[in-house]
Amino acid sequence: MDSIERRNYVRNQRGFLTPRECQTIHEEFLLREEEVLAIPQGRLKEDIYSGLTRQHRVYNWLSNPRISRLGIPTKIFQQEPFIGWKGCWIQCWGNILRQGENLPEHCHRGDKDRQGHKHPTTGELFEETNTLYACNVFLSGHTDTGTTIRGTLHENEVGELTIFGENVLHQVKTNFHQEPRVSLAMDIYEEDFNYAEVRKDSCKNTPFRYIWYDNPYLID
């Protein structure tokens, strides 16, 4: 797969998580919601997101003991395009959309976000070269709200995994139901960012945000 295909990739996988596994994550989101919302962060004024979603920079839900026992990273390595990766960095957050709430249209790293970075010590401009895929697992709520991908509504099933290339525009339109729409989201990187050693925002230097997982299916 070349870089253009990779950045525009979309795939849906039904049954990625069982209904019971989805319920476990749902319960933890609601139980720990206020605790995670209380974690301070410095970028709220520039953030278009609200609720648990806005805390994606300061807490990784794969560190939650109950959720970690579900083995989500191991399941990821069973899915294309992650089969064959030696490992990955995962950022994981929760989305709870209550009645009247939505997730605005966005992609996880467009061309402008990938380009124009400055080296922290030399000031040299560079482009990020690591591979990124965004993932979303629908956990609970009315399925008709769905996920709108490139302007087309996709009705989710409980436990379904959707994988997006970094350029793919998607959104969740307004939830008109009383029942919240709950999902788990991940950004998955094959390797750390450029110049990771000297960057404060690199995966290795923000362990509260990113966690590294080895691929257990690869034999040395």
Protein backbone atom coordinates (compact mmCIF):
# COMPACT_ATOMS: atom_id res chain seq x y z
CA MET A 1 0.00 0.00 0.00
CA ASP A 2 1.51 3.36 -1.00
CA SER A 3 1.31 6.49 1.16
CA ILE A 4 -1.75 7.92 -0.63
CA GLU A 5 -3.70 4.67 -0.26
CA ARG A 6 -2.61 4.37 3.37
CA ARG A 7 -3.71 7.89 4.27
CA ASN A 8 -7.13 7.37 2.67
CA TYR A 9 -7.77 3.83 3.92
CA VAL A 10 -11.16 2.84 5.42
CA ARG A 11 -12.23 -0.56 6.71
CA ASN A 12 -15.00 -1.80 9.00
CA GLN A 13 -14.66 -5.01 11.02
CA ARG A 14 -17.76 -6.35 12.75
CA GLY A 15 -17.41 -8.29 15.98
CA PHE A 16 -14.03 -6.83 16.96
CA LEU A 17 -15.26 -6.76 20.56
CA THR A 18 -17.96 -8.90 22.14
CA PRO A 19 -21.07 -7.30 23.67
CA ARG A 20 -19.73 -8.14 27.13
CA GLU A 21 -16.37 -6.49 26.38
CA CYS A 22 -18.20 -3.40 25.12
CA GLN A 23 -20.25 -3.32 28.32
CA THR A 24 -17.10 -3.49 30.44
CA ILE A 25 -15.58 -0.46 28.68
CA HIS A 26 -18.89 1.40 28.83
CA GLU A 27 -19.08 0.81 32.60
CA GLU A 28 -15.51 2.04 33.15
CA PHE A 29 -16.10 5.19 31.09
CA LEU A 30 -19.12 6.13 33.20
CA LEU A 31 -17.49 5.11 36.48
CA ARG A 32 -14.24 7.04 35.86
CA GLU A 33 -15.62 9.91 33.76
CA GLU A 34 -15.43 12.64 36.42
CA GLU A 35 -12.00 11.46 37.55
CA VAL A 36 -10.58 11.69 34.01
CA LEU A 37 -12.32 15.01 33.33
CA ALA A 38 -10.55 16.43 36.40
CA ILE A 39 -7.08 15.78 34.95
CA PRO A 40 -5.64 19.22 34.10
CA GLN A 41 -4.44 20.10 30.62
CA GLY A 42 -3.33 23.31 28.99
CA ARG A 43 -4.99 23.32 25.57
CA LEU A 44 -8.72 23.56 26.28
CA LYS A 45 -9.14 26.97 24.65
CA GLU A 46 -7.92 25.71 21.28
CA ASP A 47 -9.76 22.37 21.42
CA ILE A 48 -12.93 21.82 19.37
CA TYR A 49 -13.89 18.82 21.52
CA SER A 50 -15.69 18.54 24.86
CA GLY A 51 -16.31 15.93 27.54
CA LEU A 52 -14.12 12.83 27.68
CA THR A 53 -13.01 13.37 24.09
CA ARG A 54 -11.06 16.52 25.02
CA GLN A 55 -8.97 14.49 27.50
CA HIS A 56 -7.32 12.45 24.74
CA ARG A 57 -4.02 14.25 25.38
CA VAL A 58 -3.80 13.51 29.10
CA TYR A 59 -5.12 10.00 29.72
CA ASN A 60 -4.87 6.64 27.97
CA TRP A 61 -7.79 4.31 28.72
CA LEU A 62 -5.68 1.23 27.93
CA SER A 63 -3.99 1.88 31.29
CA ASN A 64 -7.30 1.23 33.05
CA PRO A 65 -6.95 -2.20 34.76
CA ARG A 66 -10.31 -3.63 33.63
CA ILE A 67 -9.92 -2.40 30.07
CA SER A 68 -6.30 -3.54 29.83
CA ARG A 69 -7.38 -7.11 30.63
CA LEU A 70 -9.47 -7.20 27.44
CA GLY A 71 -6.30 -7.44 25.32
CA ILE A 72 -7.33 -4.83 22.76
CA PRO A 73 -3.78 -4.30 21.38
CA THR A 74 -3.44 -8.05 20.77
CA LYS A 75 -6.73 -7.99 18.85
CA ILE A 76 -5.45 -5.02 16.81
CA PHE A 77 -2.48 -7.06 15.56
CA GLN A 78 -4.96 -9.59 14.11
CA GLN A 79 -6.41 -6.90 11.82
CA GLU A 80 -5.23 -5.49 8.53
CA PRO A 81 -3.29 -3.24 8.13
CA PHE A 82 -1.52 -4.00 11.45
CA ILE A 83 -0.61 -7.63 10.73
CA GLY A 84 3.16 -7.77 10.39
CA TRP A 85 3.91 -4.60 12.36
CA LYS A 86 6.66 -5.25 14.94
CA GLY A 87 4.63 -3.21 17.42
CA CYS A 88 2.81 0.09 17.80
CA TRP A 89 2.22 3.16 19.93
CA ILE A 90 -1.45 3.54 20.90
CA GLN A 91 -3.24 6.62 22.16
CA CYS A 92 -6.71 5.65 23.46
CA TRP A 93 -9.60 7.82 24.64
CA GLY A 94 -13.35 7.64 25.18
CA ASN A 95 -16.26 9.45 23.55
CA ILE A 96 -19.59 9.90 25.33
CA LEU A 97 -22.08 11.89 23.25
CA ARG A 98 -25.18 12.71 25.22
CA GLN A 99 -28.40 14.05 23.72
CA GLY A 100 -27.69 17.11 21.56
CA GLU A 101 -23.93 16.46 21.32
CA ASN A 102 -21.82 15.57 18.29
CA LEU A 103 -18.26 15.13 17.06
CA PRO A 104 -17.46 17.69 14.33
CA GLU A 105 -15.98 16.61 11.01
CA HIS A 106 -12.24 16.03 11.27
CA CYS A 107 -9.38 13.83 10.22
CA HIS A 108 -6.65 12.67 12.57
CA ARG A 109 -3.70 14.12 10.68
CA GLY A 110 -4.18 15.93 7.41
CA ASP A 111 -1.45 17.16 5.08
CA LYS A 112 -1.10 20.48 6.95
CA ASP A 113 -0.71 18.69 10.30
CA ARG A 114 1.93 16.36 8.90
CA GLN A 115 4.03 19.15 7.40
CA GLY A 116 5.71 22.29 8.71
CA HIS A 117 7.03 20.99 12.02
CA LYS A 118 10.11 22.66 13.50
CA HIS A 119 13.01 20.79 15.05
CA PRO A 120 13.00 21.80 18.75
CA THR A 121 16.68 22.77 18.80
CA THR A 122 17.71 23.61 15.22
CA GLY A 123 14.45 25.12 13.95
CA GLU A 124 14.71 23.00 10.78
CA LEU A 125 11.35 22.36 9.08
CA PHE A 126 10.39 18.72 8.58
CA GLU A 127 7.45 16.47 7.74
CA GLU A 128 6.26 13.64 9.99
CA THR A 129 7.02 10.28 8.37
CA ASN A 130 5.50 7.79 10.81
CA THR A 131 2.42 5.79 9.82
CA LEU A 132 -0.85 6.65 11.58
CA TYR A 133 -4.24 4.97 11.54
CA ALA A 134 -7.24 6.12 13.56
CA CYS A 135 -9.64 3.54 14.99
CA ASN A 136 -13.06 3.67 16.57
CA VAL A 137 -15.09 0.96 18.31
CA PHE A 138 -18.83 1.52 18.78
CA LEU A 139 -19.81 0.42 22.30
CA SER A 140 -23.41 1.46 22.94
CA GLY A 141 -26.26 3.74 21.90
CA HIS A 142 -28.68 3.98 19.02
CA THR A 143 -27.08 2.69 15.85
CA ASP A 144 -28.86 5.15 13.54
CA THR A 145 -26.65 8.06 14.67
CA GLY A 146 -23.80 6.18 13.05
CA THR A 147 -20.51 7.54 11.75
CA THR A 148 -20.51 9.79 8.71
CA ILE A 149 -17.42 8.95 6.62
CA ARG A 150 -16.63 11.30 3.72
CA GLY A 151 -20.23 12.48 3.76
CA THR A 152 -21.80 9.00 3.77
CA LEU A 153 -23.58 7.65 6.86
CA HIS A 154 -22.37 4.27 8.11
CA GLU A 155 -24.65 2.67 10.71
CA ASN A 156 -22.47 1.08 13.39
CA GLU A 157 -22.96 -2.24 15.15
CA VAL A 158 -21.98 -2.81 18.77
CA GLY A 159 -18.40 -4.09 18.86
CA GLU A 160 -17.62 -2.94 15.33
CA LEU A 161 -14.15 -1.55 14.62
CA THR A 162 -13.70 1.19 12.01
CA ILE A 163 -10.17 1.95 10.78
CA PHE A 164 -9.42 5.30 9.11
CA GLY A 165 -6.35 6.53 7.29
CA GLU A 166 -5.06 9.79 8.69
CA ASN A 167 -6.57 11.94 5.88
CA VAL A 168 -10.10 10.50 6.03
CA LEU A 169 -12.74 13.04 7.04
CA HIS A 170 -15.38 11.66 9.41
CA GLN A 171 -17.83 12.86 12.04
CA VAL A 172 -20.62 11.79 14.37
CA LYS A 173 -23.67 13.94 13.80
CA THR A 174 -25.93 15.08 16.61
CA ASN A 175 -27.23 12.38 18.92
CA PHE A 176 -30.96 13.08 19.20
CA HIS A 177 -31.61 10.16 21.56
CA GLN A 178 -31.76 10.19 25.35
CA GLU A 179 -29.35 7.26 25.48
CA PRO A 180 -25.69 8.37 25.16
CA ARG A 181 -23.64 7.21 22.20
CA VAL A 182 -20.44 5.69 23.60
CA SER A 183 -17.33 4.71 21.67
CA LEU A 184 -13.66 3.97 22.21
CA ALA A 185 -11.15 5.68 19.92
CA MET A 186 -7.47 5.08 19.19
CA ASP A 187 -4.65 6.63 17.22
CA ILE A 188 -2.19 3.89 16.28
CA TYR A 189 1.38 4.67 15.15
CA GLU A 190 3.84 2.17 13.72
CA GLU A 191 6.72 4.17 15.18
CA ASP A 192 7.37 7.32 17.20
CA PHE A 193 7.45 10.85 15.75
CA ASN A 194 10.50 12.29 14.01
CA TYR A 195 13.24 13.44 16.42
CA ALA A 196 11.42 11.71 19.27
CA GLU A 197 14.39 11.88 21.63
CA VAL A 198 14.33 15.69 21.83
CA ARG A 199 10.57 16.33 21.54
CA LYS A 200 8.40 16.85 24.62
CA ASP A 201 5.34 15.62 22.68
CA SER A 202 6.86 12.37 21.38
CA CYS A 203 5.27 9.06 22.29
CA LYS A 204 8.17 7.94 24.48
CA ASN A 205 8.17 11.25 26.38
CA THR A 206 4.41 11.30 27.10
CA PRO A 207 3.69 7.85 28.63
CA PHE A 208 0.39 9.08 30.09
CA ARG A 209 -0.80 9.57 26.48
CA TYR A 210 0.89 6.83 24.42
CA ILE A 211 1.66 3.20 25.28
CA TRP A 212 3.94 0.89 23.24
CA TYR A 213 2.84 -2.69 22.51
CA ASP A 214 4.91 -5.42 20.89
CA ASN A 215 3.23 -7.63 18.30
CA PRO A 216 2.89 -11.00 20.08
CA TYR A 217 2.40 -12.85 16.79
CA LEU A 218 5.87 -12.09 15.42
CA ILE A 219 8.59 -14.66 16.03
CA ASP A 220 12.16 -13.38 16.46
